[in-house]
């Protein structure tokens, strides 16, 4: 009888782990400028309703990817020097797994000679 009970408990734990893995999502954030060029090293912040805040930077292609997100509501904030900050509230789940931000240059930001963004 103990053997059957132990087997049932192991099966329930395994089923819970498999179900929890199915609920994990990823989010890819693409950051572009007004000319659709990638914005490198843009700061991306992913803020859940509860839990840990995730910080990162876009790569050379203007992309940042977060894995193992729980389904639910998040705020995504993107900022980069010389551009206006943008933020969006999103529901991560079966429908949302990719966001594209198009940043607008700030007119009050000084640009050094020869600098390209």
Protein backbone atom coordinates (compact mmCIF):
# COMPACT_ATOMS: atom_id res chain seq x y z
CA UNK A 1 0.00 0.00 0.00
CA UNK A 2 2.86 2.40 0.81
CA UNK A 3 4.40 1.62 -2.56
CA UNK A 4 1.18 2.62 -4.37
CA UNK A 5 0.86 5.83 -2.33
CA UNK A 6 4.48 6.76 -3.06
CA UNK A 7 3.95 6.09 -6.77
CA UNK A 8 0.86 8.32 -6.83
CA UNK A 9 2.73 11.14 -5.08
CA UNK A 10 5.63 10.90 -7.54
CA UNK A 11 3.19 11.00 -10.49
CA UNK A 12 1.41 14.06 -9.08
CA UNK A 13 4.69 15.91 -8.54
CA UNK A 14 5.86 15.01 -12.06
CA UNK A 15 2.57 16.18 -13.59
CA UNK A 16 2.84 19.49 -11.69
CA UNK A 17 6.39 20.05 -12.95
CA UNK A 18 5.37 19.35 -16.55
CA UNK A 19 2.36 21.67 -16.25
CA UNK A 20 4.54 24.43 -14.77
CA UNK A 21 7.01 24.14 -17.68
CA UNK A 22 4.18 24.55 -20.17
CA UNK A 23 3.23 27.84 -18.49
CA UNK A 24 6.68 29.37 -18.98
CA UNK A 25 6.94 31.91 -21.78
CA UNK A 26 9.64 33.92 -23.48
CA UNK A 27 9.52 37.52 -24.63
CA UNK A 28 11.62 39.05 -27.40
CA UNK A 29 11.93 42.84 -27.47
CA UNK A 30 13.16 44.54 -30.65
CA UNK A 31 14.23 48.19 -30.35
CA UNK A 32 14.48 50.35 -33.49
CA UNK A 33 14.97 54.01 -34.28
CA UNK A 34 12.68 56.06 -36.54
CA UNK A 35 14.57 54.79 -39.62
CA UNK A 36 14.03 51.15 -38.51
CA UNK A 37 17.71 50.70 -37.59
CA UNK A 38 18.45 48.57 -34.52
CA UNK A 39 19.25 50.46 -31.32
CA UNK A 40 22.25 48.78 -29.69
CA UNK A 41 22.72 48.75 -25.91
CA UNK A 42 19.21 50.06 -25.18
CA UNK A 43 18.17 49.38 -21.58
CA UNK A 44 15.17 47.06 -21.30
CA UNK A 45 13.32 46.58 -18.01
CA UNK A 46 10.62 43.92 -17.61
CA UNK A 47 8.49 44.53 -14.52
CA UNK A 48 6.02 41.85 -13.34
CA UNK A 49 3.08 42.58 -11.04
CA UNK A 50 4.94 40.57 -8.42
CA UNK A 51 8.35 39.00 -8.37
CA UNK A 52 11.76 40.00 -9.59
CA UNK A 53 12.36 42.85 -12.02
CA UNK A 54 14.46 41.85 -15.04
CA UNK A 55 17.07 44.23 -16.49
CA UNK A 56 19.02 43.84 -19.71
CA UNK A 57 20.45 45.46 -22.82
CA UNK A 58 19.76 44.96 -26.47
CA UNK A 59 22.42 43.28 -28.58
CA UNK A 60 23.99 44.51 -31.84
CA UNK A 61 20.72 43.66 -33.62
CA UNK A 62 18.61 45.73 -31.21
CA UNK A 63 17.16 42.59 -29.63
CA UNK A 64 16.70 41.46 -26.03
CA UNK A 65 15.18 38.10 -25.07
CA UNK A 66 13.80 37.01 -21.70
CA UNK A 67 13.01 33.36 -20.98
CA UNK A 68 11.00 31.59 -18.29
CA UNK A 69 8.35 34.25 -17.74
CA UNK A 70 5.14 33.31 -16.02
CA UNK A 71 1.91 34.11 -17.81
CA UNK A 72 0.51 37.43 -16.64
CA UNK A 73 0.75 41.22 -16.68
CA UNK A 74 4.06 43.01 -17.17
CA UNK A 75 5.29 46.53 -17.86
CA UNK A 76 8.16 46.78 -20.34
CA UNK A 77 10.28 49.95 -20.29
CA UNK A 78 12.86 50.78 -22.97
CA UNK A 79 15.32 53.68 -22.92
CA UNK A 80 18.54 54.66 -24.61
CA UNK A 81 20.71 57.78 -24.61
CA UNK A 82 19.44 60.35 -27.07
CA UNK A 83 15.99 58.79 -27.35
CA UNK A 84 12.70 59.27 -25.54
CA UNK A 85 11.79 56.52 -23.08
CA UNK A 86 8.87 54.24 -23.96
CA UNK A 87 6.83 51.88 -21.84
CA UNK A 88 4.06 49.38 -22.50
CA UNK A 89 1.79 47.23 -20.40
CA UNK A 90 1.45 43.73 -21.84
CA UNK A 91 -0.15 40.40 -20.97
CA UNK A 92 2.39 37.65 -21.53
CA UNK A 93 0.78 34.40 -22.61
CA UNK A 94 -0.12 32.43 -25.67
CA UNK A 95 -0.74 35.59 -27.73
CA UNK A 96 2.14 37.91 -26.78
CA UNK A 97 5.76 36.84 -27.10
CA UNK A 98 7.26 39.64 -29.21
CA UNK A 99 7.30 43.43 -28.88
CA UNK A 100 8.82 46.07 -31.13
CA UNK A 101 9.59 49.54 -29.83
CA UNK A 102 10.39 52.41 -32.20
CA UNK A 103 12.26 55.06 -30.25
CA UNK A 104 12.09 58.72 -31.19
CA UNK A 105 15.18 60.90 -30.99
CA UNK A 106 15.09 63.56 -28.30
CA UNK A 107 15.43 67.05 -29.72
CA UNK A 108 17.00 68.31 -26.47
CA UNK A 109 19.82 65.72 -26.53
CA UNK A 110 23.20 67.08 -27.69
CA UNK A 111 24.81 65.12 -30.50
CA UNK A 112 28.60 65.18 -30.83
CA UNK A 113 30.10 65.78 -34.24
CA UNK A 114 30.37 62.61 -36.26
CA UNK A 115 28.29 60.61 -33.76
CA UNK A 116 25.89 58.08 -35.16
CA UNK A 117 23.14 56.38 -33.27
